[in-house]
C-alpha atoms as a PDB file:
ATOM      1  CA  MET A   1      22.618  -9.323 -10.612  1.00  0.00           C
ATOM      2  CA  GLU A   2      20.253  -8.069  -8.612  1.00  0.00           C
ATOM      3  CA  ASN A   3      17.264  -6.019 -10.081  1.00  0.00           C
ATOM      4  CA  ARG A   4      17.918  -2.223  -8.930  1.00  0.00           C
ATOM      5  CA  VAL A   5      15.347   0.838  -9.538  1.00  0.00           C
ATOM      6  CA  ALA A   6      16.520   3.787  -9.462  1.00  0.00           C
ATOM      7  CA  ARG A   7      15.237   7.422  -8.189  1.00  0.00           C
ATOM      8  CA  VAL A   8      15.762  10.798 -10.016  1.00  0.00           C
ATOM      9  CA  THR A   9      15.626  14.229  -8.158  1.00  0.00           C
ATOM     10  CA  GLU A  10      16.213  17.745  -9.074  1.00  0.00           C
ATOM     11  CA  ILE A  11      18.369  20.207  -7.213  1.00  0.00           C
ATOM     12  CA  ILE A  12      20.201  23.758  -7.824  1.00  0.00           C
ATOM     13  CA  GLY A  13      23.704  24.671  -7.226  1.00  0.00           C
ATOM     14  CA  ALA A  14      25.140  27.839  -7.230  1.00  0.00           C
ATOM     15  CA  SER A  15      28.325  29.498  -7.217  1.00  0.00           C
ATOM     16  CA  PRO A  16      29.911  32.871  -7.617  1.00  0.00           C
ATOM     17  CA  LYS A  17      33.243  31.472  -9.310  1.00  0.00           C
ATOM     18  CA  SER A  18      31.780  29.313 -12.212  1.00  0.00           C
ATOM     19  CA  PHE A  19      29.289  26.985 -13.577  1.00  0.00           C
ATOM     20  CA  GLU A  20      31.968  24.236 -12.278  1.00  0.00           C
ATOM     21  CA  ASP A  21      32.120  25.302  -9.161  1.00  0.00           C
ATOM     22  CA  ALA A  22      28.424  25.354  -8.709  1.00  0.00           C
ATOM     23  CA  VAL A  23      28.574  21.541  -9.790  1.00  0.00           C
ATOM     24  CA  ASN A  24      30.793  20.672  -7.021  1.00  0.00           C
ATOM     25  CA  ASN A  25      28.516  22.613  -4.363  1.00  0.00           C
ATOM     26  CA  GLY A  26      25.643  20.696  -5.782  1.00  0.00           C
ATOM     27  CA  PHE A  27      26.851  17.678  -5.649  1.00  0.00           C
ATOM     28  CA  LYS A  28      28.682  17.930  -2.092  1.00  0.00           C
ATOM     29  CA  ARG A  29      25.515  18.851  -0.748  1.00  0.00           C
ATOM     30  CA  ALA A  30      23.248  15.850  -2.247  1.00  0.00           C
ATOM     31  CA  ILE A  31      26.381  13.504  -0.587  1.00  0.00           C
ATOM     32  CA  LYS A  32      25.490  14.739   2.271  1.00  0.00           C
ATOM     33  CA  THR A  33      21.609  13.651   2.071  1.00  0.00           C
ATOM     34  CA  LEU A  34      21.203  10.703  -0.507  1.00  0.00           C
ATOM     35  CA  ARG A  35      23.005   7.628  -0.519  1.00  0.00           C
ATOM     36  CA  GLY A  36      23.888   5.114  -3.706  1.00  0.00           C
ATOM     37  CA  ILE A  37      24.104   8.587  -6.452  1.00  0.00           C
ATOM     38  CA  THR A  38      24.805   6.884  -9.318  1.00  0.00           C
ATOM     39  CA  GLY A  39      25.205   9.854 -11.435  1.00  0.00           C
ATOM     40  CA  MET A  40      24.018  13.117 -12.216  1.00  0.00           C
ATOM     41  CA  ARG A  41      22.727  15.414 -15.671  1.00  0.00           C
ATOM     42  CA  ILE A  42      22.713  18.980 -16.444  1.00  0.00           C
ATOM     43  CA  VAL A  43      19.634  19.714 -17.461  1.00  0.00           C
ATOM     44  CA  GLU A  44      20.071  23.640 -17.254  1.00  0.00           C
ATOM     45  CA  GLN A  45      22.892  26.791 -16.596  1.00  0.00           C
ATOM     46  CA  ARG A  46      22.287  30.049 -15.645  1.00  0.00           C
ATOM     47  CA  VAL A  47      23.237  32.907 -14.643  1.00  0.00           C
ATOM     48  CA  ALA A  48      22.145  36.058 -12.002  1.00  0.00           C
ATOM     49  CA  VAL A  49      23.274  39.865 -13.189  1.00  0.00           C
ATOM     50  CA  GLU A  50      23.415  42.121 -10.766  1.00  0.00           C
ATOM     51  CA  GLY A  51      24.741  45.916 -11.560  1.00  0.00           C
ATOM     52  CA  ASN A  52      26.053  44.503 -15.147  1.00  0.00           C
ATOM     53  CA  LYS A  53      28.024  42.137 -13.588  1.00  0.00           C
ATOM     54  CA  ILE A  54      27.254  38.121 -13.194  1.00  0.00           C
ATOM     55  CA  ALA A  55      26.839  38.152  -9.871  1.00  0.00           C
ATOM     56  CA  GLU A  56      25.957  34.082  -9.375  1.00  0.00           C
ATOM     57  CA  TYR A  57      26.394  30.843 -11.508  1.00  0.00           C
ATOM     58  CA  ARG A  58      23.905  28.302 -11.275  1.00  0.00           C
ATOM     59  CA  VAL A  59      23.225  24.952 -12.518  1.00  0.00           C
ATOM     60  CA  ARG A  60      19.756  22.828 -12.264  1.00  0.00           C
ATOM     61  CA  MET A  61      20.519  19.288 -11.861  1.00  0.00           C
ATOM     62  CA  GLU A  62      19.047  15.904 -12.012  1.00  0.00           C
ATOM     63  CA  VAL A  63      20.594  13.555  -9.612  1.00  0.00           C
ATOM     64  CA  ILE A  64      20.114   9.694 -10.109  1.00  0.00           C
ATOM     65  CA  PHE A  65      20.512   7.764  -6.785  1.00  0.00           C
ATOM     66  CA  LEU A  66      19.593   3.842  -6.186  1.00  0.00           C
ATOM     67  CA  LEU A  67      16.378   2.936  -4.019  1.00  0.00           C
ATOM     68  CA  GLU A  68      17.487   0.898  -1.059  1.00  0.00           C
ATOM     69  CA  SER A  69      15.654  -2.783  -0.312  1.00  0.00           C
END
């Protein structure tokens, strides 16, 4: 088995629909830039409120990916 080294980067995904959609939006954006993603961890969930209504769901995520040799 090869030695592997991973890195963690933090991103924030957002959606006007739901937390699940915010996670998917963040993931879809991450795969455009990062290669070798092995997992993600949801660190925090928040909402933005405007006019006494939830305007946006936000998730702070750690994206774990392998460093290339």
